C-alpha atoms as a PDB file:
ATOM      1  CA  MET A   1     -22.491 -43.950  89.666  1.00  0.00           C
ATOM      2  CA  ALA A   2     -22.713 -46.327  92.572  1.00  0.00           C
ATOM      3  CA  GLU A   3     -25.952 -47.087  94.046  1.00  0.00           C
ATOM      4  CA  LYS A   4     -26.977 -45.301  97.338  1.00  0.00           C
ATOM      5  CA  LYS A   5     -26.862 -47.284 100.356  1.00  0.00           C
ATOM      6  CA  LEU A   6     -30.112 -47.365 102.428  1.00  0.00           C
ATOM      7  CA  ILE A   7     -30.334 -46.371 106.013  1.00  0.00           C
ATOM      8  CA  ALA A   8     -33.268 -47.357 108.029  1.00  0.00           C
ATOM      9  CA  VAL A   9     -33.908 -44.608 110.666  1.00  0.00           C
ATOM     10  CA  VAL A  10     -36.096 -45.513 113.606  1.00  0.00           C
ATOM     11  CA  GLY A  11     -37.836 -42.835 115.340  1.00  0.00           C
ATOM     12  CA  ALA A  12     -37.454 -40.648 112.319  1.00  0.00           C
ATOM     13  CA  THR A  13     -39.770 -37.982 113.364  1.00  0.00           C
ATOM     14  CA  GLY A  14     -38.168 -37.829 116.776  1.00  0.00           C
ATOM     15  CA  MET A  15     -34.884 -35.916 117.954  1.00  0.00           C
ATOM     16  CA  GLN A  16     -32.298 -38.182 117.307  1.00  0.00           C
ATOM     17  CA  GLY A  17     -33.919 -39.901 114.302  1.00  0.00           C
ATOM     18  CA  GLY A  18     -34.897 -36.838 112.587  1.00  0.00           C
ATOM     19  CA  GLY A  19     -31.346 -35.516 112.848  1.00  0.00           C
ATOM     20  CA  LEU A  20     -29.809 -38.497 111.283  1.00  0.00           C
ATOM     21  CA  VAL A  21     -32.471 -38.284 108.441  1.00  0.00           C
ATOM     22  CA  ARG A  22     -31.609 -34.279 107.708  1.00  0.00           C
ATOM     23  CA  ALA A  23     -27.775 -35.210 108.176  1.00  0.00           C
ATOM     24  CA  ILE A  24     -28.165 -37.835 105.218  1.00  0.00           C
ATOM     25  CA  ALA A  25     -30.117 -35.519 103.274  1.00  0.00           C
ATOM     26  CA  SER A  26     -27.723 -32.432 103.608  1.00  0.00           C
ATOM     27  CA  ASP A  27     -24.480 -34.396 103.373  1.00  0.00           C
ATOM     28  CA  PRO A  28     -22.702 -33.466 100.302  1.00  0.00           C
ATOM     29  CA  ASP A  29     -21.155 -36.894  99.571  1.00  0.00           C
ATOM     30  CA  LYS A  30     -24.565 -38.224  98.968  1.00  0.00           C
ATOM     31  CA  THR A  31     -23.753 -41.837 100.284  1.00  0.00           C
ATOM     32  CA  PHE A  32     -26.927 -42.709 101.536  1.00  0.00           C
ATOM     33  CA  ILE A  33     -30.599 -42.517 101.198  1.00  0.00           C
ATOM     34  CA  ALA A  34     -32.738 -42.451 104.515  1.00  0.00           C
ATOM     35  CA  ARG A  35     -35.746 -44.718 104.914  1.00  0.00           C
ATOM     36  CA  ALA A  36     -37.602 -42.768 107.683  1.00  0.00           C
ATOM     37  CA  LEU A  37     -39.523 -45.033 110.147  1.00  0.00           C
ATOM     38  CA  THR A  38     -42.631 -43.743 112.002  1.00  0.00           C
ATOM     39  CA  ARG A  39     -46.098 -44.768 113.220  1.00  0.00           C
ATOM     40  CA  ASP A  40     -47.801 -41.882 111.184  1.00  0.00           C
ATOM     41  CA  VAL A  41     -46.995 -41.628 107.499  1.00  0.00           C
ATOM     42  CA  ASN A  42     -49.233 -38.514 107.301  1.00  0.00           C
ATOM     43  CA  SER A  43     -48.109 -36.299 110.128  1.00  0.00           C
ATOM     44  CA  ASP A  44     -46.574 -32.969 109.115  1.00  0.00           C
ATOM     45  CA  LYS A  45     -42.855 -34.005 110.561  1.00  0.00           C
ATOM     46  CA  ALA A  46     -43.167 -37.103 108.058  1.00  0.00           C
ATOM     47  CA  LYS A  47     -44.394 -35.159 105.103  1.00  0.00           C
ATOM     48  CA  ALA A  48     -41.307 -32.895 105.740  1.00  0.00           C
ATOM     49  CA  LEU A  49     -38.888 -35.732 105.863  1.00  0.00           C
ATOM     50  CA  THR A  50     -40.477 -36.886 102.211  1.00  0.00           C
ATOM     51  CA  LYS A  51     -39.696 -33.328 101.028  1.00  0.00           C
ATOM     52  CA  LEU A  52     -35.909 -33.847 101.946  1.00  0.00           C
ATOM     53  CA  GLY A  53     -36.053 -36.864  99.754  1.00  0.00           C
ATOM     54  CA  ALA A  54     -36.321 -39.760 102.427  1.00  0.00           C
ATOM     55  CA  GLU A  55     -38.349 -42.686 101.802  1.00  0.00           C
ATOM     56  CA  VAL A  56     -41.088 -42.704 104.778  1.00  0.00           C
ATOM     57  CA  VAL A  57     -42.542 -45.958 105.740  1.00  0.00           C
ATOM     58  CA  SER A  58     -44.929 -46.902 108.377  1.00  0.00           C
ATOM     59  CA  ALA A  59     -43.385 -49.212 111.112  1.00  0.00           C
ATOM     60  CA  ASP A  60     -44.254 -49.933 114.765  1.00  0.00           C
ATOM     61  CA  LEU A  61     -41.750 -50.857 117.252  1.00  0.00           C
ATOM     62  CA  ASP A  62     -44.128 -53.339 118.905  1.00  0.00           C
ATOM     63  CA  ASP A  63     -44.607 -55.235 115.532  1.00  0.00           C
ATOM     64  CA  ALA A  64     -41.872 -57.144 114.639  1.00  0.00           C
ATOM     65  CA  ALA A  65     -42.955 -58.578 111.391  1.00  0.00           C
ATOM     66  CA  GLY A  66     -43.310 -54.591 110.299  1.00  0.00           C
ATOM     67  CA  LEU A  67     -39.814 -53.896 111.267  1.00  0.00           C
ATOM     68  CA  LYS A  68     -38.699 -56.852 109.447  1.00  0.00           C
ATOM     69  CA  ARG A  69     -40.195 -55.536 106.303  1.00  0.00           C
ATOM     70  CA  ALA A  70     -39.033 -51.634 106.997  1.00  0.00           C
ATOM     71  CA  PHE A  71     -35.424 -53.196 107.469  1.00  0.00           C
ATOM     72  CA  THR A  72     -35.597 -55.228 104.548  1.00  0.00           C
ATOM     73  CA  GLY A  73     -32.954 -54.072 101.634  1.00  0.00           C
ATOM     74  CA  ALA A  74     -31.281 -51.620 104.128  1.00  0.00           C
ATOM     75  CA  TYR A  75     -27.350 -51.458 104.295  1.00  0.00           C
ATOM     76  CA  GLY A  76     -27.649 -50.017 107.979  1.00  0.00           C
ATOM     77  CA  VAL A  77     -30.295 -49.269 110.435  1.00  0.00           C
ATOM     78  CA  PHE A  78     -30.230 -46.760 113.407  1.00  0.00           C
ATOM     79  CA  CYS A  79     -32.105 -48.246 116.352  1.00  0.00           C
ATOM     80  CA  LEU A  80     -33.625 -46.491 119.557  1.00  0.00           C
ATOM     81  CA  THR A  81     -36.572 -46.339 121.722  1.00  0.00           C
ATOM     82  CA  ASN A  82     -38.126 -43.609 123.484  1.00  0.00           C
ATOM     83  CA  PHE A  83     -38.797 -44.145 127.154  1.00  0.00           C
ATOM     84  CA  TRP A  84     -40.516 -40.852 127.554  1.00  0.00           C
ATOM     85  CA  GLU A  85     -43.279 -41.891 125.387  1.00  0.00           C
ATOM     86  CA  HIS A  86     -44.299 -44.656 127.847  1.00  0.00           C
ATOM     87  CA  PHE A  87     -42.215 -44.640 131.004  1.00  0.00           C
ATOM     88  CA  SER A  88     -41.745 -48.523 130.655  1.00  0.00           C
ATOM     89  CA  PRO A  89     -37.976 -49.812 130.668  1.00  0.00           C
ATOM     90  CA  ASP A  90     -39.651 -53.474 129.950  1.00  0.00           C
ATOM     91  CA  LYS A  91     -41.332 -52.019 126.836  1.00  0.00           C
ATOM     92  CA  GLU A  92     -38.234 -50.470 126.010  1.00  0.00           C
ATOM     93  CA  TYR A  93     -36.145 -53.627 126.257  1.00  0.00           C
ATOM     94  CA  ALA A  94     -38.867 -55.676 124.339  1.00  0.00           C
ATOM     95  CA  GLN A  95     -38.837 -52.910 121.306  1.00  0.00           C
ATOM     96  CA  ALA A  96     -34.979 -53.129 121.235  1.00  0.00           C
ATOM     97  CA  LYS A  97     -35.039 -56.641 120.939  1.00  0.00           C
ATOM     98  CA  ASN A  98     -37.517 -56.766 118.065  1.00  0.00           C
ATOM     99  CA  GLN A  99     -35.278 -54.318 116.377  1.00  0.00           C
ATOM    100  CA  ALA A 100     -32.005 -56.485 116.877  1.00  0.00           C
ATOM    101  CA  GLU A 101     -33.993 -59.566 115.891  1.00  0.00           C
ATOM    102  CA  ALA A 102     -35.465 -57.751 112.644  1.00  0.00           C
ATOM    103  CA  ALA A 103     -31.659 -56.441 111.631  1.00  0.00           C
ATOM    104  CA  LYS A 104     -30.448 -59.885 112.287  1.00  0.00           C
ATOM    105  CA  GLU A 105     -33.101 -61.577 109.687  1.00  0.00           C
ATOM    106  CA  THR A 106     -32.744 -58.972 107.153  1.00  0.00           C
ATOM    107  CA  GLY A 107     -28.926 -59.075 106.961  1.00  0.00           C
ATOM    108  CA  VAL A 108     -28.336 -55.495 107.893  1.00  0.00           C
ATOM    109  CA  GLN A 109     -24.511 -54.798 107.412  1.00  0.00           C
ATOM    110  CA  HIS A 110     -24.168 -52.079 109.987  1.00  0.00           C
ATOM    111  CA  VAL A 111     -26.418 -51.330 113.136  1.00  0.00           C
ATOM    112  CA  ILE A 112     -26.258 -48.201 115.379  1.00  0.00           C
ATOM    113  CA  TRP A 113     -27.906 -48.787 119.033  1.00  0.00           C
ATOM    114  CA  SER A 114     -28.545 -45.536 120.473  1.00  0.00           C
ATOM    115  CA  THR A 115     -27.800 -46.369 124.139  1.00  0.00           C
ATOM    116  CA  LEU A 116     -26.675 -45.324 127.440  1.00  0.00           C
ATOM    117  CA  GLU A 117     -25.175 -46.979 130.628  1.00  0.00           C
ATOM    118  CA  ASP A 118     -26.819 -49.873 132.807  1.00  0.00           C
ATOM    119  CA  THR A 119     -26.246 -47.731 135.802  1.00  0.00           C
ATOM    120  CA  ARG A 120     -26.585 -51.299 137.809  1.00  0.00           C
ATOM    121  CA  LYS A 121     -23.258 -52.101 136.969  1.00  0.00           C
ATOM    122  CA  TRP A 122     -22.099 -49.113 139.499  1.00  0.00           C
ATOM    123  CA  VAL A 123     -25.045 -49.065 141.747  1.00  0.00           C
ATOM    124  CA  PRO A 124     -26.524 -52.111 142.594  1.00  0.00           C
ATOM    125  CA  LEU A 125     -29.944 -52.449 143.720  1.00  0.00           C
ATOM    126  CA  SER A 126     -28.664 -53.176 147.286  1.00  0.00           C
ATOM    127  CA  ASP A 127     -27.004 -49.753 147.143  1.00  0.00           C
ATOM    128  CA  GLY A 128     -29.067 -47.360 149.151  1.00  0.00           C
ATOM    129  CA  ARG A 129     -27.421 -44.096 148.082  1.00  0.00           C
ATOM    130  CA  MET A 130     -30.264 -43.573 145.584  1.00  0.00           C
ATOM    131  CA  PRO A 131     -33.555 -45.153 145.795  1.00  0.00           C
ATOM    132  CA  THR A 132     -34.272 -48.406 143.783  1.00  0.00           C
ATOM    133  CA  LEU A 133     -37.375 -47.514 141.112  1.00  0.00           C
ATOM    134  CA  MET A 134     -39.884 -49.888 139.816  1.00  0.00           C
ATOM    135  CA  GLY A 135     -38.495 -52.578 141.831  1.00  0.00           C
ATOM    136  CA  LYS A 136     -35.538 -53.257 139.521  1.00  0.00           C
ATOM    137  CA  TYR A 137     -33.934 -50.189 138.059  1.00  0.00           C
ATOM    138  CA  LYS A 138     -31.727 -47.168 139.441  1.00  0.00           C
ATOM    139  CA  VAL A 139     -32.215 -45.121 136.634  1.00  0.00           C
ATOM    140  CA  PRO A 140     -35.202 -46.715 134.494  1.00  0.00           C
ATOM    141  CA  HIS A 141     -34.378 -44.827 131.131  1.00  0.00           C
ATOM    142  CA  PHE A 142     -30.744 -45.723 131.380  1.00  0.00           C
ATOM    143  CA  ASP A 143     -30.870 -49.207 132.732  1.00  0.00           C
ATOM    144  CA  ALA A 144     -33.033 -51.020 130.014  1.00  0.00           C
ATOM    145  CA  LYS A 145     -30.915 -49.435 127.266  1.00  0.00           C
ATOM    146  CA  GLY A 146     -27.816 -50.656 128.332  1.00  0.00           C
ATOM    147  CA  GLU A 147     -29.050 -54.017 129.486  1.00  0.00           C
ATOM    148  CA  VAL A 148     -30.539 -54.613 126.125  1.00  0.00           C
ATOM    149  CA  GLU A 149     -27.122 -54.300 124.651  1.00  0.00           C
ATOM    150  CA  ARG A 150     -26.567 -58.074 125.008  1.00  0.00           C
ATOM    151  CA  GLU A 151     -29.560 -58.845 122.984  1.00  0.00           C
ATOM    152  CA  PHE A 152     -27.588 -57.034 119.767  1.00  0.00           C
ATOM    153  CA  ALA A 153     -24.308 -58.765 120.883  1.00  0.00           C
ATOM    154  CA  LYS A 154     -25.573 -62.516 121.226  1.00  0.00           C
ATOM    155  CA  LEU A 155     -26.969 -62.079 117.547  1.00  0.00           C
ATOM    156  CA  GLY A 156     -23.548 -61.332 116.399  1.00  0.00           C
ATOM    157  CA  LEU A 157     -24.477 -58.201 114.460  1.00  0.00           C
ATOM    158  CA  PRO A 158     -22.253 -55.858 113.095  1.00  0.00           C
ATOM    159  CA  VAL A 159     -23.445 -53.193 115.848  1.00  0.00           C
ATOM    160  CA  THR A 160     -22.016 -49.980 116.950  1.00  0.00           C
ATOM    161  CA  PHE A 161     -23.031 -48.782 120.514  1.00  0.00           C
ATOM    162  CA  LEU A 162     -23.601 -45.166 120.597  1.00  0.00           C
ATOM    163  CA  LEU A 163     -23.442 -43.556 123.931  1.00  0.00           C
ATOM    164  CA  THR A 164     -25.374 -40.081 123.800  1.00  0.00           C
ATOM    165  CA  SER A 165     -25.227 -37.407 126.224  1.00  0.00           C
ATOM    166  CA  PHE A 166     -27.683 -34.769 127.796  1.00  0.00           C
ATOM    167  CA  TYR A 167     -29.527 -33.017 124.909  1.00  0.00           C
ATOM    168  CA  TRP A 168     -28.909 -29.126 125.166  1.00  0.00           C
ATOM    169  CA  ASP A 169     -32.519 -29.290 123.493  1.00  0.00           C
ATOM    170  CA  ASN A 170     -33.797 -30.434 126.899  1.00  0.00           C
ATOM    171  CA  LEU A 171     -33.909 -26.565 127.751  1.00  0.00           C
ATOM    172  CA  ILE A 172     -36.358 -26.170 125.101  1.00  0.00           C
ATOM    173  CA  PHE A 173     -38.479 -29.091 125.015  1.00  0.00           C
ATOM    174  CA  PHE A 174     -38.084 -30.876 128.454  1.00  0.00           C
ATOM    175  CA  GLY A 175     -38.655 -27.835 130.766  1.00  0.00           C
ATOM    176  CA  MET A 176     -35.153 -27.756 132.016  1.00  0.00           C
ATOM    177  CA  GLY A 177     -34.355 -24.571 130.996  1.00  0.00           C
ATOM    178  CA  PRO A 178     -33.783 -21.709 133.662  1.00  0.00           C
ATOM    179  CA  LYS A 179     -36.965 -20.614 135.368  1.00  0.00           C
ATOM    180  CA  LYS A 180     -37.685 -17.257 137.544  1.00  0.00           C
ATOM    181  CA  GLY A 181     -36.986 -17.539 141.168  1.00  0.00           C
ATOM    182  CA  PRO A 182     -38.739 -15.809 143.972  1.00  0.00           C
ATOM    183  CA  ASP A 183     -36.649 -12.706 143.616  1.00  0.00           C
ATOM    184  CA  GLY A 184     -37.135 -12.903 139.592  1.00  0.00           C
ATOM    185  CA  THR A 185     -33.518 -13.825 138.947  1.00  0.00           C
ATOM    186  CA  LEU A 186     -33.456 -16.647 136.362  1.00  0.00           C
ATOM    187  CA  LEU A 187     -32.238 -20.084 137.978  1.00  0.00           C
ATOM    188  CA  PHE A 188     -30.857 -22.973 136.302  1.00  0.00           C
ATOM    189  CA  THR A 189     -31.785 -25.959 138.501  1.00  0.00           C
ATOM    190  CA  MET A 190     -29.463 -29.309 138.405  1.00  0.00           C
ATOM    191  CA  PRO A 191     -28.474 -31.741 141.046  1.00  0.00           C
ATOM    192  CA  MET A 192     -24.703 -31.908 139.881  1.00  0.00           C
ATOM    193  CA  GLY A 193     -22.918 -29.818 142.275  1.00  0.00           C
ATOM    194  CA  GLY A 194     -19.592 -28.702 140.591  1.00  0.00           C
ATOM    195  CA  LYS A 195     -19.384 -31.778 138.297  1.00  0.00           C
ATOM    196  CA  LYS A 196     -19.217 -31.540 134.609  1.00  0.00           C
ATOM    197  CA  LEU A 197     -22.177 -32.575 132.294  1.00  0.00           C
ATOM    198  CA  PRO A 198     -21.365 -33.887 129.147  1.00  0.00           C
ATOM    199  CA  GLY A 199     -23.880 -32.363 126.515  1.00  0.00           C
ATOM    200  CA  ILE A 200     -24.482 -32.173 122.803  1.00  0.00           C
ATOM    201  CA  ALA A 201     -26.934 -30.624 120.413  1.00  0.00           C
ATOM    202  CA  VAL A 202     -29.489 -33.346 119.198  1.00  0.00           C
ATOM    203  CA  GLU A 203     -28.713 -32.486 115.669  1.00  0.00           C
ATOM    204  CA  ASP A 204     -25.222 -33.365 116.177  1.00  0.00           C
ATOM    205  CA  ILE A 205     -26.025 -37.024 117.475  1.00  0.00           C
ATOM    206  CA  GLY A 206     -27.561 -37.459 114.004  1.00  0.00           C
ATOM    207  CA  LYS A 207     -24.423 -35.976 112.234  1.00  0.00           C
ATOM    208  CA  CYS A 208     -22.239 -38.304 114.538  1.00  0.00           C
ATOM    209  CA  ALA A 209     -24.170 -41.346 113.855  1.00  0.00           C
ATOM    210  CA  LEU A 210     -23.871 -40.308 110.015  1.00  0.00           C
ATOM    211  CA  GLY A 211     -20.268 -40.344 110.623  1.00  0.00           C
ATOM    212  CA  ILE A 212     -20.264 -43.646 112.038  1.00  0.00           C
ATOM    213  CA  PHE A 213     -22.155 -45.203 109.099  1.00  0.00           C
ATOM    214  CA  LYS A 214     -19.644 -43.449 106.780  1.00  0.00           C
ATOM    215  CA  SER A 215     -16.766 -45.046 108.547  1.00  0.00           C
ATOM    216  CA  GLY A 216     -17.701 -48.743 107.461  1.00  0.00           C
ATOM    217  CA  LYS A 217     -16.524 -51.237 109.845  1.00  0.00           C
ATOM    218  CA  GLU A 218     -14.090 -49.046 111.929  1.00  0.00           C
ATOM    219  CA  TYR A 219     -16.686 -48.671 114.455  1.00  0.00           C
ATOM    220  CA  THR A 220     -18.512 -52.227 114.464  1.00  0.00           C
ATOM    221  CA  GLY A 221     -18.218 -54.181 117.460  1.00  0.00           C
ATOM    222  CA  LYS A 222     -17.214 -50.835 119.683  1.00  0.00           C
ATOM    223  CA  THR A 223     -18.962 -48.511 121.993  1.00  0.00           C
ATOM    224  CA  VAL A 224     -18.592 -44.723 120.831  1.00  0.00           C
ATOM    225  CA  GLY A 225     -19.310 -41.935 123.241  1.00  0.00           C
ATOM    226  CA  ILE A 226     -20.109 -38.557 122.204  1.00  0.00           C
ATOM    227  CA  ALA A 227     -20.241 -34.984 123.534  1.00  0.00           C
ATOM    228  CA  GLY A 228     -20.309 -31.498 122.248  1.00  0.00           C
ATOM    229  CA  GLU A 229     -19.003 -30.222 125.617  1.00  0.00           C
ATOM    230  CA  HIS A 230     -18.407 -31.234 129.368  1.00  0.00           C
ATOM    231  CA  LEU A 231     -19.688 -28.243 131.231  1.00  0.00           C
ATOM    232  CA  THR A 232     -20.362 -27.573 134.934  1.00  0.00           C
ATOM    233  CA  GLY A 233     -23.598 -25.909 135.915  1.00  0.00           C
ATOM    234  CA  GLU A 234     -21.764 -22.693 136.649  1.00  0.00           C
ATOM    235  CA  GLU A 235     -20.380 -22.954 132.947  1.00  0.00           C
ATOM    236  CA  MET A 236     -24.075 -23.602 131.349  1.00  0.00           C
ATOM    237  CA  ALA A 237     -25.690 -20.592 133.473  1.00  0.00           C
ATOM    238  CA  ALA A 238     -22.615 -18.119 132.429  1.00  0.00           C
ATOM    239  CA  ALA A 239     -23.158 -19.128 128.808  1.00  0.00           C
ATOM    240  CA  MET A 240     -26.903 -18.862 129.002  1.00  0.00           C
ATOM    241  CA  THR A 241     -26.237 -15.157 130.673  1.00  0.00           C
ATOM    242  CA  LYS A 242     -24.357 -14.024 128.042  1.00  0.00           C
ATOM    243  CA  ALA A 243     -26.478 -15.330 125.403  1.00  0.00           C
ATOM    244  CA  ILE A 244     -29.845 -14.308 126.796  1.00  0.00           C
ATOM    245  CA  GLY A 245     -28.761 -11.054 128.327  1.00  0.00           C
ATOM    246  CA  GLN A 246     -30.240 -11.796 131.565  1.00  0.00           C
ATOM    247  CA  THR A 247     -28.683 -13.272 134.654  1.00  0.00           C
ATOM    248  CA  VAL A 248     -28.981 -16.928 135.034  1.00  0.00           C
ATOM    249  CA  ARG A 249     -27.741 -18.351 138.139  1.00  0.00           C
ATOM    250  CA  TYR A 250     -27.023 -22.170 138.630  1.00  0.00           C
ATOM    251  CA  ASN A 251     -29.250 -23.728 141.595  1.00  0.00           C
ATOM    252  CA  PRO A 252     -27.355 -26.892 142.487  1.00  0.00           C
ATOM    253  CA  VAL A 253     -29.879 -28.726 144.585  1.00  0.00           C
ATOM    254  CA  ALA A 254     -29.509 -32.109 146.237  1.00  0.00           C
ATOM    255  CA  PRO A 255     -30.368 -35.164 144.120  1.00  0.00           C
ATOM    256  CA  GLU A 256     -33.249 -36.017 146.914  1.00  0.00           C
ATOM    257  CA  GLN A 257     -34.692 -32.351 146.714  1.00  0.00           C
ATOM    258  CA  TYR A 258     -34.874 -32.908 142.766  1.00  0.00           C
ATOM    259  CA  ARG A 259     -36.537 -36.178 143.172  1.00  0.00           C
ATOM    260  CA  ALA A 260     -39.117 -34.530 145.255  1.00  0.00           C
ATOM    261  CA  PHE A 261     -39.908 -31.821 142.615  1.00  0.00           C
ATOM    262  CA  GLY A 262     -43.102 -34.260 141.665  1.00  0.00           C
ATOM    263  CA  PHE A 263     -43.347 -34.017 138.009  1.00  0.00           C
ATOM    264  CA  LYS A 264     -43.616 -37.523 136.305  1.00  0.00           C
ATOM    265  CA  GLY A 265     -39.942 -38.999 135.929  1.00  0.00           C
ATOM    266  CA  ALA A 266     -38.493 -36.503 138.628  1.00  0.00           C
ATOM    267  CA  ASP A 267     -37.212 -39.820 140.543  1.00  0.00           C
ATOM    268  CA  ASP A 268     -35.741 -41.096 137.601  1.00  0.00           C
ATOM    269  CA  LEU A 269     -34.012 -37.771 136.548  1.00  0.00           C
ATOM    270  CA  GLY A 270     -32.883 -37.310 140.165  1.00  0.00           C
ATOM    271  CA  ASN A 271     -31.007 -40.678 140.151  1.00  0.00           C
ATOM    272  CA  MET A 272     -29.648 -39.799 136.539  1.00  0.00           C
ATOM    273  CA  PHE A 273     -28.144 -36.665 137.752  1.00  0.00           C
ATOM    274  CA  GLN A 274     -26.586 -38.331 140.749  1.00  0.00           C
ATOM    275  CA  PHE A 275     -25.115 -41.052 138.875  1.00  0.00           C
ATOM    276  CA  LYS A 276     -23.565 -38.630 136.596  1.00  0.00           C
ATOM    277  CA  SER A 277     -22.320 -36.698 139.373  1.00  0.00           C
ATOM    278  CA  ASP A 278     -21.132 -39.720 141.951  1.00  0.00           C
ATOM    279  CA  PHE A 279     -19.390 -41.508 138.794  1.00  0.00           C
ATOM    280  CA  ASN A 280     -18.456 -38.458 136.989  1.00  0.00           C
ATOM    281  CA  GLU A 281     -15.029 -39.288 135.965  1.00  0.00           C
ATOM    282  CA  VAL A 282     -16.279 -42.377 134.251  1.00  0.00           C
ATOM    283  CA  PHE A 283     -19.346 -40.907 132.783  1.00  0.00           C
ATOM    284  CA  CYS A 284     -17.349 -37.929 131.029  1.00  0.00           C
ATOM    285  CA  GLY A 285     -14.433 -40.539 130.319  1.00  0.00           C
ATOM    286  CA  ALA A 286     -16.811 -42.409 128.174  1.00  0.00           C
ATOM    287  CA  ARG A 287     -17.877 -39.281 126.017  1.00  0.00           C
ATOM    288  CA  ASN A 288     -15.357 -37.983 123.890  1.00  0.00           C
ATOM    289  CA  VAL A 289     -15.373 -34.668 122.466  1.00  0.00           C
ATOM    290  CA  ALA A 290     -12.463 -35.181 120.069  1.00  0.00           C
ATOM    291  CA  VAL A 291     -14.239 -38.353 118.623  1.00  0.00           C
ATOM    292  CA  ALA A 292     -17.285 -36.640 118.226  1.00  0.00           C
ATOM    293  CA  LYS A 293     -15.642 -33.969 116.157  1.00  0.00           C
ATOM    294  CA  SER A 294     -13.847 -36.468 114.078  1.00  0.00           C
ATOM    295  CA  LEU A 295     -17.065 -37.975 113.145  1.00  0.00           C
ATOM    296  CA  ASN A 296     -18.842 -34.512 112.750  1.00  0.00           C
ATOM    297  CA  PRO A 297     -16.342 -31.908 111.838  1.00  0.00           C
ATOM    298  CA  THR A 298     -19.522 -29.264 112.448  1.00  0.00           C
ATOM    299  CA  LEU A 299     -19.886 -30.160 116.075  1.00  0.00           C
ATOM    300  CA  GLN A 300     -21.574 -27.248 118.185  1.00  0.00           C
ATOM    301  CA  THR A 301     -20.193 -26.036 121.270  1.00  0.00           C
ATOM    302  CA  PHE A 302     -22.774 -24.704 123.692  1.00  0.00           C
ATOM    303  CA  ASP A 303     -22.210 -21.223 122.816  1.00  0.00           C
ATOM    304  CA  VAL A 304     -22.672 -21.761 119.204  1.00  0.00           C
ATOM    305  CA  TRP A 305     -25.911 -23.745 120.051  1.00  0.00           C
ATOM    306  CA  LEU A 306     -27.214 -21.128 122.388  1.00  0.00           C
ATOM    307  CA  LYS A 307     -26.682 -18.425 119.485  1.00  0.00           C
ATOM    308  CA  GLN A 308     -28.879 -20.385 117.236  1.00  0.00           C
ATOM    309  CA  ASN A 309     -31.451 -21.536 119.851  1.00  0.00           C
ATOM    310  CA  LYS A 310     -31.638 -18.794 122.761  1.00  0.00           C
ATOM    311  CA  SER A 311     -35.069 -17.535 121.543  1.00  0.00           C
ATOM    312  CA  ARG A 312     -36.689 -21.178 121.699  1.00  0.00           C
ATOM    313  CA  ILE A 313     -35.880 -21.490 125.418  1.00  0.00           C
ATOM    314  CA  SER A 314     -38.815 -20.367 127.571  1.00  0.00           C
ATOM    315  CA  LEU A 315     -37.940 -18.430 130.636  1.00  0.00           C
ATOM    316  CA  THR A 316     -41.348 -18.540 132.112  1.00  0.00           C
END
């Protein structure tokens, strides 16, 4: 029997990384084994990954030497950063660069960088249609991820850039689910007008990443964009109405209203939604449902995801 190839998974106790570890563990082909990277190997989430058969190791994205140790012996690495942990795109860039350099030094054969667009290619800092944030970004949690792609490319790494979509899981974990309005009606609020929003179940991102690794060299040197569906706010509200059994009305606020909501990151997200709306054809065009389905035959639609997760969406 051929020895299983090792995939080192950054952020293994988070949503994307955790999804990939579970996808590797449940894959009937048993092509790979996961090495789950986490700062706290004693956390409940880390222990759950050990039970799935993953090798759980300690690693910190700020520690270049530690990353090199964690990547040693791996066939592939799944790389990502978590902006929402620290709200610093500069930190994201540095952490991604550490991962790229560790992958190069350890001779990894396939790297996936979970990325997003550098929106400044479409909306320069001089463009006043949306405010510039932190002095040098339009959508901070997008821009640094897109910008740092050059660090992977210039090292000549066998890299696949994986463009992800809006997590439907944000309706559970990020406070983006419908909320009761003044008259008691559930309102689903997004500044997308009538434009479509590419979305995906976060578990499916991990399964698509596994599909990319299983495809060998087919996707190295390429950008792959994935989505489960492209839906308007009206379509998402209608699907939630059906699943939850209560009327959910789409509430399409203006981007400037969304930016003024005042929660931490509201300006970033307001700009993000405006970018997705203003450049909808480009944004949707970069995220191909058929490609996602080819990588992950069990890809969920929003209806299927809702059926499984409706009870987890807080409506208060």
